[in-house]
Amino acid sequence: MELVNKKGTINALNFKCLKTDFNYRIIGSKSTHTGSFFQDSVWKSKDLIIRSDGIKKIYTREELKKRFNNVQA
């Protein structure tokens, strides 16, 4: 299963990456857009992810789609 669908929305907040065998949890999302809300792009929002061993990373939705393309919810 892909973590991010074609519209840019996230399919699961808790998931396991089948490539690395780590469990992940998305704990926050933040828009990077500064203009009007109806011109906001979901692909440029930043998501904070925590791995099962405690490491936190920030990814854009574009990066999430490329990085997590084989996950289990």
PDB file of N, CA and C in Angstrom:
ATOM      1  N   MET A   1       0.844  -1.170   0.000  1.00  0.00           N
ATOM      2  CA  MET A   1       0.000   0.000   0.000  1.00  0.00           C
ATOM      3  C   MET A   1       0.895   1.241   0.000  1.00  0.00           C
ATOM      4  N   GLU A   2       0.464   2.262  -0.672  1.00  0.00           N
ATOM      5  CA  GLU A   2       1.173   3.541  -0.657  1.00  0.00           C
ATOM      6  C   GLU A   2       0.681   4.380   0.507  1.00  0.00           C
ATOM      7  N   LEU A   3       1.576   5.125   1.125  1.00  0.00           N
ATOM      8  CA  LEU A   3       1.204   5.959   2.260  1.00  0.00           C
ATOM      9  C   LEU A   3       0.419   7.185   1.815  1.00  0.00           C
ATOM     10  N   VAL A   4       0.834   7.800   0.706  1.00  0.00           N
ATOM     11  CA  VAL A   4       0.190   9.014   0.203  1.00  0.00           C
ATOM     12  C   VAL A   4      -0.495   8.682  -1.118  1.00  0.00           C
ATOM     13  N   ASN A   5      -1.788   9.043  -1.228  1.00  0.00           N
ATOM     14  CA  ASN A   5      -2.511   8.732  -2.463  1.00  0.00           C
ATOM     15  C   ASN A   5      -2.293   9.807  -3.520  1.00  0.00           C
ATOM     16  N   LYS A   6      -2.975   9.679  -4.653  1.00  0.00           N
ATOM     17  CA  LYS A   6      -2.777  10.594  -5.787  1.00  0.00           C
ATOM     18  C   LYS A   6      -3.192  12.027  -5.477  1.00  0.00           C
ATOM     19  N   LYS A   7      -4.129  12.205  -4.544  1.00  0.00           N
ATOM     20  CA  LYS A   7      -4.585  13.551  -4.177  1.00  0.00           C
ATOM     21  C   LYS A   7      -3.683  14.213  -3.144  1.00  0.00           C
ATOM     22  N   GLY A   8      -2.740  13.441  -2.596  1.00  0.00           N
ATOM     23  CA  GLY A   8      -1.820  13.999  -1.621  1.00  0.00           C
ATOM     24  C   GLY A   8      -2.252  13.813  -0.181  1.00  0.00           C
ATOM     25  N   THR A   9      -3.293  13.034   0.063  1.00  0.00           N
ATOM     26  CA  THR A   9      -3.720  12.787   1.432  1.00  0.00           C
ATOM     27  C   THR A   9      -3.074  11.508   1.959  1.00  0.00           C
ATOM     28  N   ILE A  10      -2.932  11.446   3.262  1.00  0.00           N
ATOM     29  CA  ILE A  10      -2.268  10.321   3.908  1.00  0.00           C
ATOM     30  C   ILE A  10      -3.285   9.235   4.199  1.00  0.00           C
ATOM     31  N   ASN A  11      -2.935   7.990   3.870  1.00  0.00           N
ATOM     32  CA  ASN A  11      -3.854   6.864   4.041  1.00  0.00           C
ATOM     33  C   ASN A  11      -3.837   6.277   5.448  1.00  0.00           C
ATOM     34  N   ALA A  12      -2.767   6.409   6.198  1.00  0.00           N
ATOM     35  CA  ALA A  12      -2.673   5.840   7.544  1.00  0.00           C
ATOM     36  C   ALA A  12      -1.746   6.684   8.402  1.00  0.00           C
ATOM     37  N   LEU A  13      -2.122   6.903   9.666  1.00  0.00           N
ATOM     38  CA  LEU A  13      -1.271   7.670  10.572  1.00  0.00           C
ATOM     39  C   LEU A  13      -0.236   6.793  11.258  1.00  0.00           C
ATOM     40  N   ASN A  14      -0.556   5.547  11.485  1.00  0.00           N
ATOM     41  CA  ASN A  14       0.378   4.564  12.035  1.00  0.00           C
ATOM     42  C   ASN A  14       0.624   3.520  10.960  1.00  0.00           C
ATOM     43  N   PHE A  15       1.885   3.257  10.654  1.00  0.00           N
ATOM     44  CA  PHE A  15       2.182   2.311   9.584  1.00  0.00           C
ATOM     45  C   PHE A  15       3.539   1.673   9.796  1.00  0.00           C
ATOM     46  N   LYS A  16       3.765   0.579   9.089  1.00  0.00           N
ATOM     47  CA  LYS A  16       5.036  -0.130   9.120  1.00  0.00           C
ATOM     48  C   LYS A  16       5.631  -0.115   7.731  1.00  0.00           C
ATOM     49  N   CYS A  17       6.874   0.314   7.615  1.00  0.00           N
ATOM     50  CA  CYS A  17       7.566   0.299   6.338  1.00  0.00           C
ATOM     51  C   CYS A  17       8.064  -1.121   6.101  1.00  0.00           C
ATOM     52  N   LEU A  18       7.646  -1.724   5.007  1.00  0.00           N
ATOM     53  CA  LEU A  18       8.013  -3.098   4.725  1.00  0.00           C
ATOM     54  C   LEU A  18       9.439  -3.233   4.193  1.00  0.00           C
ATOM     55  N   LYS A  19      10.047  -2.120   3.786  1.00  0.00           N
ATOM     56  CA  LYS A  19      11.444  -2.152   3.331  1.00  0.00           C
ATOM     57  C   LYS A  19      12.415  -2.146   4.512  1.00  0.00           C
ATOM     58  N   THR A  20      12.140  -1.301   5.508  1.00  0.00           N
ATOM     59  CA  THR A  20      13.055  -1.149   6.640  1.00  0.00           C
ATOM     60  C   THR A  20      12.603  -1.905   7.881  1.00  0.00           C
ATOM     61  N   ASP A  21      11.361  -2.341   7.923  1.00  0.00           N
ATOM     62  CA  ASP A  21      10.770  -3.083   9.044  1.00  0.00           C
ATOM     63  C   ASP A  21      10.648  -2.230  10.309  1.00  0.00           C
ATOM     64  N   PHE A  22      10.559  -0.888  10.163  1.00  0.00           N
ATOM     65  CA  PHE A  22      10.326   0.011  11.286  1.00  0.00           C
ATOM     66  C   PHE A  22       8.867   0.423  11.314  1.00  0.00           C
ATOM     67  N   ASN A  23       8.361   0.686  12.512  1.00  0.00           N
ATOM     68  CA  ASN A  23       7.026   1.250  12.675  1.00  0.00           C
ATOM     69  C   ASN A  23       7.149   2.762  12.761  1.00  0.00           C
ATOM     70  N   TYR A  24       6.228   3.469  12.126  1.00  0.00           N
ATOM     71  CA  TYR A  24       6.223   4.928  12.096  1.00  0.00           C
ATOM     72  C   TYR A  24       4.867   5.455  12.530  1.00  0.00           C
ATOM     73  N   ARG A  25       4.864   6.706  13.004  1.00  0.00           N
ATOM     74  CA  ARG A  25       3.619   7.380  13.364  1.00  0.00           C
ATOM     75  C   ARG A  25       3.735   8.840  12.949  1.00  0.00           C
ATOM     76  N   ILE A  26       2.743   9.330  12.253  1.00  0.00           N
ATOM     77  CA  ILE A  26       2.703  10.745  11.875  1.00  0.00           C
ATOM     78  C   ILE A  26       2.076  11.495  13.039  1.00  0.00           C
ATOM     79  N   ILE A  27       2.835  12.439  13.603  1.00  0.00           N
ATOM     80  CA  ILE A  27       2.351  13.124  14.801  1.00  0.00           C
ATOM     81  C   ILE A  27       1.987  14.589  14.552  1.00  0.00           C
ATOM     82  N   GLY A  28       2.218  15.093  13.347  1.00  0.00           N
ATOM     83  CA  GLY A  28       1.851  16.475  13.069  1.00  0.00           C
ATOM     84  C   GLY A  28       2.017  16.839  11.611  1.00  0.00           C
ATOM     85  N   SER A  29       1.223  17.800  11.177  1.00  0.00           N
ATOM     86  CA  SER A  29       1.315  18.332   9.815  1.00  0.00           C
ATOM     87  C   SER A  29       1.250  19.841   9.883  1.00  0.00           C
ATOM     88  N   LYS A  30       1.978  20.487   8.969  1.00  0.00           N
ATOM     89  CA  LYS A  30       2.020  21.949   8.958  1.00  0.00           C
ATOM     90  C   LYS A  30       2.053  22.434   7.519  1.00  0.00           C
ATOM     91  N   SER A  31       1.238  23.409   7.217  1.00  0.00           N
ATOM     92  CA  SER A  31       1.227  24.002   5.893  1.00  0.00           C
ATOM     93  C   SER A  31       2.386  24.986   5.768  1.00  0.00           C
ATOM     94  N   THR A  32       3.022  25.010   4.611  1.00  0.00           N
ATOM     95  CA  THR A  32       4.108  25.962   4.368  1.00  0.00           C
ATOM     96  C   THR A  32       3.647  27.124   3.507  1.00  0.00           C
ATOM     97  N   HIS A  33       2.368  27.154   3.160  1.00  0.00           N
ATOM     98  CA  HIS A  33       1.828  28.184   2.277  1.00  0.00           C
ATOM     99  C   HIS A  33       1.599  29.480   3.054  1.00  0.00           C
ATOM    100  N   THR A  34       1.914  30.617   2.438  1.00  0.00           N
ATOM    101  CA  THR A  34       1.759  31.905   3.114  1.00  0.00           C
ATOM    102  C   THR A  34       0.644  32.759   2.517  1.00  0.00           C
ATOM    103  N   GLY A  35       0.112  32.383   1.380  1.00  0.00           N
ATOM    104  CA  GLY A  35      -0.919  33.185   0.731  1.00  0.00           C
ATOM    105  C   GLY A  35      -2.318  32.758   1.130  1.00  0.00           C
ATOM    106  N   SER A  36      -3.232  32.917   0.208  1.00  0.00           N
ATOM    107  CA  SER A  36      -4.625  32.580   0.435  1.00  0.00           C
ATOM    108  C   SER A  36      -4.797  31.064   0.581  1.00  0.00           C
ATOM    109  N   PHE A  37      -5.712  30.649   1.453  1.00  0.00           N
ATOM    110  CA  PHE A  37      -5.852  29.225   1.765  1.00  0.00           C
ATOM    111  C   PHE A  37      -6.319  28.393   0.582  1.00  0.00           C
ATOM    112  N   PHE A  38      -7.069  28.955  -0.359  1.00  0.00           N
ATOM    113  CA  PHE A  38      -7.569  28.152  -1.470  1.00  0.00           C
ATOM    114  C   PHE A  38      -6.508  27.908  -2.542  1.00  0.00           C
ATOM    115  N   GLN A  39      -5.354  28.525  -2.428  1.00  0.00           N
ATOM    116  CA  GLN A  39      -4.240  28.265  -3.341  1.00  0.00           C
ATOM    117  C   GLN A  39      -3.190  27.368  -2.699  1.00  0.00           C
ATOM    118  N   ASP A  40      -3.457  26.891  -1.483  1.00  0.00           N
ATOM    119  CA  ASP A  40      -2.519  26.045  -0.755  1.00  0.00           C
ATOM    120  C   ASP A  40      -2.354  24.697  -1.453  1.00  0.00           C
ATOM    121  N   SER A  41      -1.144  24.185  -1.490  1.00  0.00           N
ATOM    122  CA  SER A  41      -0.857  22.893  -2.091  1.00  0.00           C
ATOM    123  C   SER A  41      -0.534  21.885  -0.985  1.00  0.00           C
ATOM    124  N   VAL A  42      -1.280  20.802  -0.947  1.00  0.00           N
ATOM    125  CA  VAL A  42      -1.056  19.773   0.066  1.00  0.00           C
ATOM    126  C   VAL A  42       0.314  19.121  -0.103  1.00  0.00           C
ATOM    127  N   TRP A  43       0.852  19.141  -1.305  1.00  0.00           N
ATOM    128  CA  TRP A  43       2.147  18.506  -1.584  1.00  0.00           C
ATOM    129  C   TRP A  43       3.303  19.228  -0.912  1.00  0.00           C
ATOM    130  N   LYS A  44       3.121  20.492  -0.549  1.00  0.00           N
ATOM    131  CA  LYS A  44       4.195  21.257   0.081  1.00  0.00           C
ATOM    132  C   LYS A  44       4.070  21.305   1.597  1.00  0.00           C
ATOM    133  N   SER A  45       3.046  20.674   2.170  1.00  0.00           N
ATOM    134  CA  SER A  45       2.920  20.656   3.624  1.00  0.00           C
ATOM    135  C   SER A  45       3.992  19.748   4.220  1.00  0.00           C
ATOM    136  N   LYS A  46       4.373  20.033   5.453  1.00  0.00           N
ATOM    137  CA  LYS A  46       5.428  19.264   6.122  1.00  0.00           C
ATOM    138  C   LYS A  46       4.792  18.412   7.214  1.00  0.00           C
ATOM    139  N   ASP A  47       5.194  17.139   7.260  1.00  0.00           N
ATOM    140  CA  ASP A  47       4.666  16.192   8.231  1.00  0.00           C
ATOM    141  C   ASP A  47       5.785  15.727   9.154  1.00  0.00           C
ATOM    142  N   LEU A  48       5.508  15.734  10.447  1.00  0.00           N
ATOM    143  CA  LEU A  48       6.462  15.274  11.445  1.00  0.00           C
ATOM    144  C   LEU A  48       6.185  13.803  11.728  1.00  0.00           C
ATOM    145  N   ILE A  49       7.222  12.973  11.568  1.00  0.00           N
ATOM    146  CA  ILE A  49       7.094  11.526  11.714  1.00  0.00           C
ATOM    147  C   ILE A  49       8.045  11.053  12.794  1.00  0.00           C
ATOM    148  N   ILE A  50       7.553  10.144  13.642  1.00  0.00           N
ATOM    149  CA  ILE A  50       8.408   9.545  14.669  1.00  0.00           C
ATOM    150  C   ILE A  50       8.520   8.049  14.388  1.00  0.00           C
ATOM    151  N   ARG A  51       9.739   7.559  14.439  1.00  0.00           N
ATOM    152  CA  ARG A  51      10.019   6.143  14.201  1.00  0.00           C
ATOM    153  C   ARG A  51       9.928   5.388  15.526  1.00  0.00           C
ATOM    154  N   SER A  52       9.789   4.082  15.476  1.00  0.00           N
ATOM    155  CA  SER A  52       9.608   3.270  16.684  1.00  0.00           C
ATOM    156  C   SER A  52      10.787   3.360  17.648  1.00  0.00           C
ATOM    157  N   ASP A  53      11.961   3.722  17.170  1.00  0.00           N
ATOM    158  CA  ASP A  53      13.113   3.877  18.073  1.00  0.00           C
ATOM    159  C   ASP A  53      13.279   5.315  18.583  1.00  0.00           C
ATOM    160  N   GLY A  54      12.320   6.198  18.289  1.00  0.00           N
ATOM    161  CA  GLY A  54      12.304   7.549  18.840  1.00  0.00           C
ATOM    162  C   GLY A  54      12.853   8.633  17.937  1.00  0.00           C
ATOM    163  N   ILE A  55      13.362   8.299  16.780  1.00  0.00           N
ATOM    164  CA  ILE A  55      13.925   9.302  15.873  1.00  0.00           C
ATOM    165  C   ILE A  55      12.791  10.038  15.159  1.00  0.00           C
ATOM    166  N   LYS A  56      12.861  11.373  15.172  1.00  0.00           N
ATOM    167  CA  LYS A  56      11.857  12.211  14.513  1.00  0.00           C
ATOM    168  C   LYS A  56      12.437  12.815  13.247  1.00  0.00           C
ATOM    169  N   LYS A  57      11.617  12.886  12.204  1.00  0.00           N
ATOM    170  CA  LYS A  57      12.027  13.504  10.943  1.00  0.00           C
ATOM    171  C   LYS A  57      10.851  14.278  10.364  1.00  0.00           C
ATOM    172  N   ILE A  58      11.178  15.273   9.556  1.00  0.00           N
ATOM    173  CA  ILE A  58      10.162  16.065   8.864  1.00  0.00           C
ATOM    174  C   ILE A  58      10.282  15.798   7.373  1.00  0.00           C
ATOM    175  N   TYR A  59       9.156  15.458   6.746  1.00  0.00           N
ATOM    176  CA  TYR A  59       9.100  15.192   5.311  1.00  0.00           C
ATOM    177  C   TYR A  59       7.968  16.016   4.696  1.00  0.00           C
ATOM    178  N   THR A  60       8.149  16.445   3.457  1.00  0.00           N
ATOM    179  CA  THR A  60       7.025  17.004   2.704  1.00  0.00           C
ATOM    180  C   THR A  60       6.207  15.834   2.166  1.00  0.00           C
ATOM    181  N   ARG A  61       5.001  16.105   1.694  1.00  0.00           N
ATOM    182  CA  ARG A  61       4.162  15.034   1.164  1.00  0.00           C
ATOM    183  C   ARG A  61       4.796  14.405  -0.078  1.00  0.00           C
ATOM    184  N   GLU A  62       5.497  15.203  -0.864  1.00  0.00           N
ATOM    185  CA  GLU A  62       6.197  14.660  -2.031  1.00  0.00           C
ATOM    186  C   GLU A  62       7.267  13.663  -1.597  1.00  0.00           C
ATOM    187  N   GLU A  63       7.998  13.998  -0.550  1.00  0.00           N
ATOM    188  CA  GLU A  63       9.029  13.100  -0.033  1.00  0.00           C
ATOM    189  C   GLU A  63       8.415  11.834   0.566  1.00  0.00           C
ATOM    190  N   LEU A  64       7.290  11.995   1.260  1.00  0.00           N
ATOM    191  CA  LEU A  64       6.601  10.834   1.826  1.00  0.00           C
ATOM    192  C   LEU A  64       6.156   9.863   0.741  1.00  0.00           C
ATOM    193  N   LYS A  65       5.637  10.406  -0.351  1.00  0.00           N
ATOM    194  CA  LYS A  65       5.171   9.555  -1.439  1.00  0.00           C
ATOM    195  C   LYS A  65       6.318   8.765  -2.060  1.00  0.00           C
ATOM    196  N   LYS A  66       7.477   9.385  -2.197  1.00  0.00           N
ATOM    197  CA  LYS A  66       8.636   8.697  -2.768  1.00  0.00           C
ATOM    198  C   LYS A  66       9.258   7.713  -1.769  1.00  0.00           C
ATOM    199  N   ARG A  67       9.341   8.107  -0.515  1.00  0.00           N
ATOM    200  CA  ARG A  67      10.041   7.317   0.501  1.00  0.00           C
ATOM    201  C   ARG A  67       9.229   6.106   0.975  1.00  0.00           C
ATOM    202  N   PHE A  68       7.929   6.297   1.217  1.00  0.00           N
ATOM    203  CA  PHE A  68       7.088   5.245   1.783  1.00  0.00           C
ATOM    204  C   PHE A  68       6.077   4.752   0.754  1.00  0.00           C
ATOM    205  N   ASN A  69       6.525   3.941  -0.185  1.00  0.00           N
ATOM    206  CA  ASN A  69       5.616   3.435  -1.209  1.00  0.00           C
ATOM    207  C   ASN A  69       5.248   1.965  -0.996  1.00  0.00           C
ATOM    208  N   ASN A  70       5.753   1.362   0.079  1.00  0.00           N
ATOM    209  CA  ASN A  70       5.399  -0.025   0.386  1.00  0.00           C
ATOM    210  C   ASN A  70       5.239  -0.138   1.906  1.00  0.00           C
ATOM    211  N   VAL A  71       4.024   0.185   2.397  1.00  0.00           N
ATOM    212  CA  VAL A  71       3.761   0.189   3.840  1.00  0.00           C
ATOM    213  C   VAL A  71       2.574  -0.714   4.176  1.00  0.00           C
ATOM    214  N   GLN A  72       2.495  -1.038   5.443  1.00  0.00           N
ATOM    215  CA  GLN A  72       1.375  -1.815   5.956  1.00  0.00           C
ATOM    216  C   GLN A  72       0.733  -0.983   7.071  1.00  0.00           C
ATOM    217  N   ALA A  73      -0.570  -0.773   6.962  1.00  0.00           N
ATOM    218  CA  ALA A  73      -1.280   0.037   7.960  1.00  0.00           C
ATOM    219  C   ALA A  73      -1.573  -0.766   9.210  1.00  0.00           C
TER     220      ALA A  73
END
